[in-house]
Amino acid sequence: METVSEANEKKVETVRDSLGRTYGTGRRKEAVARVWVKPGNGDITVNGRRVFDYFMRSVLQTLVLQPFSVANRIGRYDAFCTVSGGGLSGQAGAVRHGISKALADHEPNLRAILKSAGLLTRDSRVVERKKYGLMKARRSFQFSKR
């Protein structure tokens, strides 16, 4: 029978490829991001371009870097991302979600930190569909009394 200390010391096996990378899929709106994370010096590449060249707005840059800052791992990991679909805001959210999932798989002890920050939950909000008889999803045509 195991003691309590032996049970706490068990190591969780992480899924890594031959290059030492961990994979995570991120989704937001219509965007899907495939993210590979490996130990490195903080280089983040999105679709073959540096993250600061791909996401020019500072809001999107901080959104993408949020998992590293929450986990206190800035500059310790390289991330290679391919993202498609949606606009820039949705793509930034998808990359953030993918990085979070890959970090949680790479270091299982970070899972609780990322989960409490809400970074592992997929944001399920999508555009509401247009209904017939209306201009948009909820906007009606202008009413004319005469």
C-alpha atoms as a PDB file:
ATOM      1  CA  MET A   1       0.000   0.000   0.000  1.00  0.00           C
ATOM      2  CA  GLU A   2       1.228   3.502  -0.878  1.00  0.00           C
ATOM      3  CA  THR A   3       1.777   6.201   1.651  1.00  0.00           C
ATOM      4  CA  VAL A   4       0.404   9.695   1.147  1.00  0.00           C
ATOM      5  CA  SER A   5       3.825  11.122   0.260  1.00  0.00           C
ATOM      6  CA  GLU A   6       4.367   8.475  -2.436  1.00  0.00           C
ATOM      7  CA  ALA A   7       0.998   9.254  -3.982  1.00  0.00           C
ATOM      8  CA  ASN A   8       1.836  12.970  -4.133  1.00  0.00           C
ATOM      9  CA  GLU A   9       5.215  12.308  -5.732  1.00  0.00           C
ATOM     10  CA  LYS A  10       3.790  10.397  -8.706  1.00  0.00           C
ATOM     11  CA  LYS A  11       4.686  12.116 -11.926  1.00  0.00           C
ATOM     12  CA  VAL A  12       2.101  12.648 -14.630  1.00  0.00           C
ATOM     13  CA  GLU A  13       3.257  11.574 -18.082  1.00  0.00           C
ATOM     14  CA  THR A  14       2.943  14.319 -20.685  1.00  0.00           C
ATOM     15  CA  VAL A  15       2.377  13.736 -24.373  1.00  0.00           C
ATOM     16  CA  ARG A  16       5.358  15.027 -26.359  1.00  0.00           C
ATOM     17  CA  ASP A  17       6.562  14.356 -29.872  1.00  0.00           C
ATOM     18  CA  SER A  18      10.116  13.447 -30.901  1.00  0.00           C
ATOM     19  CA  LEU A  19      11.155  17.134 -30.806  1.00  0.00           C
ATOM     20  CA  GLY A  20       9.940  17.655 -27.218  1.00  0.00           C
ATOM     21  CA  ARG A  21       6.897  19.686 -28.259  1.00  0.00           C
ATOM     22  CA  THR A  22       3.439  19.561 -26.725  1.00  0.00           C
ATOM     23  CA  TYR A  23       0.353  20.125 -28.875  1.00  0.00           C
ATOM     24  CA  GLY A  24      -2.816  22.085 -28.118  1.00  0.00           C
ATOM     25  CA  THR A  25      -5.837  23.003 -30.241  1.00  0.00           C
ATOM     26  CA  GLY A  26      -7.524  26.332 -29.552  1.00  0.00           C
ATOM     27  CA  ARG A  27     -10.869  27.593 -30.823  1.00  0.00           C
ATOM     28  CA  ARG A  28     -12.676  30.925 -30.674  1.00  0.00           C
ATOM     29  CA  LYS A  29     -15.614  32.008 -32.857  1.00  0.00           C
ATOM     30  CA  GLU A  30     -14.771  30.596 -36.318  1.00  0.00           C
ATOM     31  CA  ALA A  31     -10.982  30.530 -35.756  1.00  0.00           C
ATOM     32  CA  VAL A  32      -9.033  27.333 -35.113  1.00  0.00           C
ATOM     33  CA  ALA A  33      -5.416  27.413 -33.915  1.00  0.00           C
ATOM     34  CA  ARG A  34      -2.954  24.527 -33.817  1.00  0.00           C
ATOM     35  CA  VAL A  35      -0.210  25.263 -31.284  1.00  0.00           C
ATOM     36  CA  TRP A  36       3.051  23.469 -30.468  1.00  0.00           C
ATOM     37  CA  VAL A  37       4.901  24.533 -27.297  1.00  0.00           C
ATOM     38  CA  LYS A  38       8.451  23.565 -26.380  1.00  0.00           C
ATOM     39  CA  PRO A  39      11.052  24.892 -23.920  1.00  0.00           C
ATOM     40  CA  GLY A  40      12.976  27.793 -25.418  1.00  0.00           C
ATOM     41  CA  ASN A  41      13.637  31.519 -25.140  1.00  0.00           C
ATOM     42  CA  GLY A  42      10.172  32.990 -25.760  1.00  0.00           C
ATOM     43  CA  ASP A  43       9.866  33.023 -29.573  1.00  0.00           C
ATOM     44  CA  ILE A  44       6.215  32.906 -30.635  1.00  0.00           C
ATOM     45  CA  THR A  45       5.484  32.353 -34.320  1.00  0.00           C
ATOM     46  CA  VAL A  46       2.006  32.648 -35.858  1.00  0.00           C
ATOM     47  CA  ASN A  47       1.599  31.478 -39.465  1.00  0.00           C
ATOM     48  CA  GLY A  48       5.329  31.893 -40.104  1.00  0.00           C
ATOM     49  CA  ARG A  49       5.487  35.449 -38.725  1.00  0.00           C
ATOM     50  CA  ARG A  50       6.487  36.778 -35.318  1.00  0.00           C
ATOM     51  CA  VAL A  51       3.542  37.329 -32.988  1.00  0.00           C
ATOM     52  CA  PHE A  52       4.135  41.102 -32.888  1.00  0.00           C
ATOM     53  CA  ASP A  53       4.107  41.271 -36.688  1.00  0.00           C
ATOM     54  CA  TYR A  54       0.961  39.149 -37.067  1.00  0.00           C
ATOM     55  CA  PHE A  55      -1.090  40.759 -34.275  1.00  0.00           C
ATOM     56  CA  MET A  56      -0.307  44.481 -34.586  1.00  0.00           C
ATOM     57  CA  ARG A  57      -2.732  45.727 -31.914  1.00  0.00           C
ATOM     58  CA  SER A  58      -1.329  45.677 -28.398  1.00  0.00           C
ATOM     59  CA  VAL A  59      -4.609  44.319 -27.000  1.00  0.00           C
ATOM     60  CA  LEU A  60      -4.280  41.203 -29.148  1.00  0.00           C
ATOM     61  CA  GLN A  61      -0.600  40.814 -28.262  1.00  0.00           C
ATOM     62  CA  THR A  62      -1.340  40.847 -24.522  1.00  0.00           C
ATOM     63  CA  LEU A  63      -4.205  38.405 -25.121  1.00  0.00           C
ATOM     64  CA  VAL A  64      -1.855  35.930 -26.806  1.00  0.00           C
ATOM     65  CA  LEU A  65       0.836  36.308 -24.116  1.00  0.00           C
ATOM     66  CA  GLN A  66      -1.636  36.007 -21.216  1.00  0.00           C
ATOM     67  CA  PRO A  67      -1.123  32.258 -20.547  1.00  0.00           C
ATOM     68  CA  PHE A  68       2.628  32.770 -20.117  1.00  0.00           C
ATOM     69  CA  SER A  69       2.175  35.748 -17.794  1.00  0.00           C
ATOM     70  CA  VAL A  70      -0.476  34.009 -15.651  1.00  0.00           C
ATOM     71  CA  ALA A  71       1.739  30.921 -15.302  1.00  0.00           C
ATOM     72  CA  ASN A  72       4.842  33.089 -14.730  1.00  0.00           C
ATOM     73  CA  ARG A  73       6.617  31.448 -17.681  1.00  0.00           C
ATOM     74  CA  ILE A  74       7.437  34.465 -19.876  1.00  0.00           C
ATOM     75  CA  GLY A  75      10.526  33.797 -21.993  1.00  0.00           C
ATOM     76  CA  ARG A  76      10.759  30.108 -21.080  1.00  0.00           C
ATOM     77  CA  TYR A  77       8.769  28.549 -23.935  1.00  0.00           C
ATOM     78  CA  ASP A  78       8.686  28.823 -27.705  1.00  0.00           C
ATOM     79  CA  ALA A  79       5.303  28.512 -29.417  1.00  0.00           C
ATOM     80  CA  PHE A  80       4.688  27.649 -33.052  1.00  0.00           C
ATOM     81  CA  CYS A  81       1.104  28.377 -34.148  1.00  0.00           C
ATOM     82  CA  THR A  82      -0.922  27.937 -37.307  1.00  0.00           C
ATOM     83  CA  VAL A  83      -4.312  29.626 -37.223  1.00  0.00           C
ATOM     84  CA  SER A  84      -7.074  29.841 -39.799  1.00  0.00           C
ATOM     85  CA  GLY A  85     -10.616  31.149 -40.039  1.00  0.00           C
ATOM     86  CA  GLY A  86     -12.319  34.112 -38.444  1.00  0.00           C
ATOM     87  CA  GLY A  87     -10.860  37.563 -37.901  1.00  0.00           C
ATOM     88  CA  LEU A  88      -7.871  38.781 -35.933  1.00  0.00           C
ATOM     89  CA  SER A  89      -9.716  38.962 -32.611  1.00  0.00           C
ATOM     90  CA  GLY A  90     -11.006  35.406 -32.897  1.00  0.00           C
ATOM     91  CA  GLN A  91      -7.606  34.175 -34.038  1.00  0.00           C
ATOM     92  CA  ALA A  92      -5.902  35.788 -31.039  1.00  0.00           C
ATOM     93  CA  GLY A  93      -8.398  34.106 -28.721  1.00  0.00           C
ATOM     94  CA  ALA A  94      -7.857  30.768 -30.448  1.00  0.00           C
ATOM     95  CA  VAL A  95      -4.063  31.059 -30.119  1.00  0.00           C
ATOM     96  CA  ARG A  96      -4.448  31.932 -26.427  1.00  0.00           C
ATOM     97  CA  HIS A  97      -6.667  28.890 -25.868  1.00  0.00           C
ATOM     98  CA  GLY A  98      -4.237  26.617 -27.734  1.00  0.00           C
ATOM     99  CA  ILE A  99      -1.202  27.893 -25.829  1.00  0.00           C
ATOM    100  CA  SER A 100      -3.031  27.367 -22.538  1.00  0.00           C
ATOM    101  CA  LYS A 101      -3.951  23.781 -23.393  1.00  0.00           C
ATOM    102  CA  ALA A 102      -0.441  22.970 -24.592  1.00  0.00           C
ATOM    103  CA  LEU A 103       1.124  24.488 -21.450  1.00  0.00           C
ATOM    104  CA  ALA A 104      -1.245  22.518 -19.233  1.00  0.00           C
ATOM    105  CA  ASP A 105      -0.220  19.306 -21.011  1.00  0.00           C
ATOM    106  CA  HIS A 106       3.483  20.166 -20.871  1.00  0.00           C
ATOM    107  CA  GLU A 107       3.457  21.063 -17.162  1.00  0.00           C
ATOM    108  CA  PRO A 108       0.469  19.412 -15.433  1.00  0.00           C
ATOM    109  CA  ASN A 109       1.013  21.423 -12.237  1.00  0.00           C
ATOM    110  CA  LEU A 110       0.094  24.611 -14.177  1.00  0.00           C
ATOM    111  CA  ARG A 111      -3.375  23.259 -14.972  1.00  0.00           C
ATOM    112  CA  ALA A 112      -4.972  24.572 -11.765  1.00  0.00           C
ATOM    113  CA  ILE A 113      -3.490  28.051 -12.289  1.00  0.00           C
ATOM    114  CA  LEU A 114      -4.631  28.263 -15.902  1.00  0.00           C
ATOM    115  CA  LYS A 115      -8.040  26.804 -15.063  1.00  0.00           C
ATOM    116  CA  SER A 116      -8.667  29.332 -12.276  1.00  0.00           C
ATOM    117  CA  ALA A 117      -7.745  32.151 -14.683  1.00  0.00           C
ATOM    118  CA  GLY A 118     -10.349  30.808 -17.138  1.00  0.00           C
ATOM    119  CA  LEU A 119      -7.835  30.140 -19.910  1.00  0.00           C
ATOM    120  CA  LEU A 120      -8.647  26.454 -20.459  1.00  0.00           C
ATOM    121  CA  THR A 121     -12.361  27.048 -21.050  1.00  0.00           C
ATOM    122  CA  ARG A 122     -13.447  27.437 -24.659  1.00  0.00           C
ATOM    123  CA  ASP A 123     -15.345  30.690 -25.202  1.00  0.00           C
ATOM    124  CA  SER A 124     -18.524  29.356 -26.808  1.00  0.00           C
ATOM    125  CA  ARG A 125     -19.942  32.706 -27.928  1.00  0.00           C
ATOM    126  CA  VAL A 126     -20.512  32.803 -31.680  1.00  0.00           C
ATOM    127  CA  VAL A 127     -22.443  35.113 -34.013  1.00  0.00           C
ATOM    128  CA  GLU A 128     -26.195  34.695 -33.748  1.00  0.00           C
ATOM    129  CA  ARG A 129     -27.826  33.631 -36.988  1.00  0.00           C
ATOM    130  CA  LYS A 130     -30.055  35.926 -39.053  1.00  0.00           C
ATOM    131  CA  LYS A 131     -33.781  35.186 -38.833  1.00  0.00           C
ATOM    132  CA  TYR A 132     -36.228  35.481 -41.696  1.00  0.00           C
ATOM    133  CA  GLY A 133     -38.477  38.537 -41.604  1.00  0.00           C
ATOM    134  CA  LEU A 134     -35.748  40.571 -39.875  1.00  0.00           C
ATOM    135  CA  MET A 135     -32.872  42.685 -41.150  1.00  0.00           C
ATOM    136  CA  LYS A 136     -30.284  41.046 -38.905  1.00  0.00           C
ATOM    137  CA  ALA A 137     -30.421  38.563 -36.041  1.00  0.00           C
ATOM    138  CA  ARG A 138     -32.683  40.810 -33.945  1.00  0.00           C
ATOM    139  CA  ARG A 139     -32.965  44.094 -35.846  1.00  0.00           C
ATOM    140  CA  SER A 140     -36.383  44.565 -37.391  1.00  0.00           C
ATOM    141  CA  PHE A 141     -37.320  46.663 -40.386  1.00  0.00           C
ATOM    142  CA  GLN A 142     -38.383  50.230 -39.636  1.00  0.00           C
ATOM    143  CA  PHE A 143     -42.055  50.441 -38.776  1.00  0.00           C
ATOM    144  CA  SER A 144     -44.140  52.845 -40.852  1.00  0.00           C
ATOM    145  CA  LYS A 145     -47.619  53.707 -39.635  1.00  0.00           C
ATOM    146  CA  ARG A 146     -48.670  55.288 -42.968  1.00  0.00           C
END
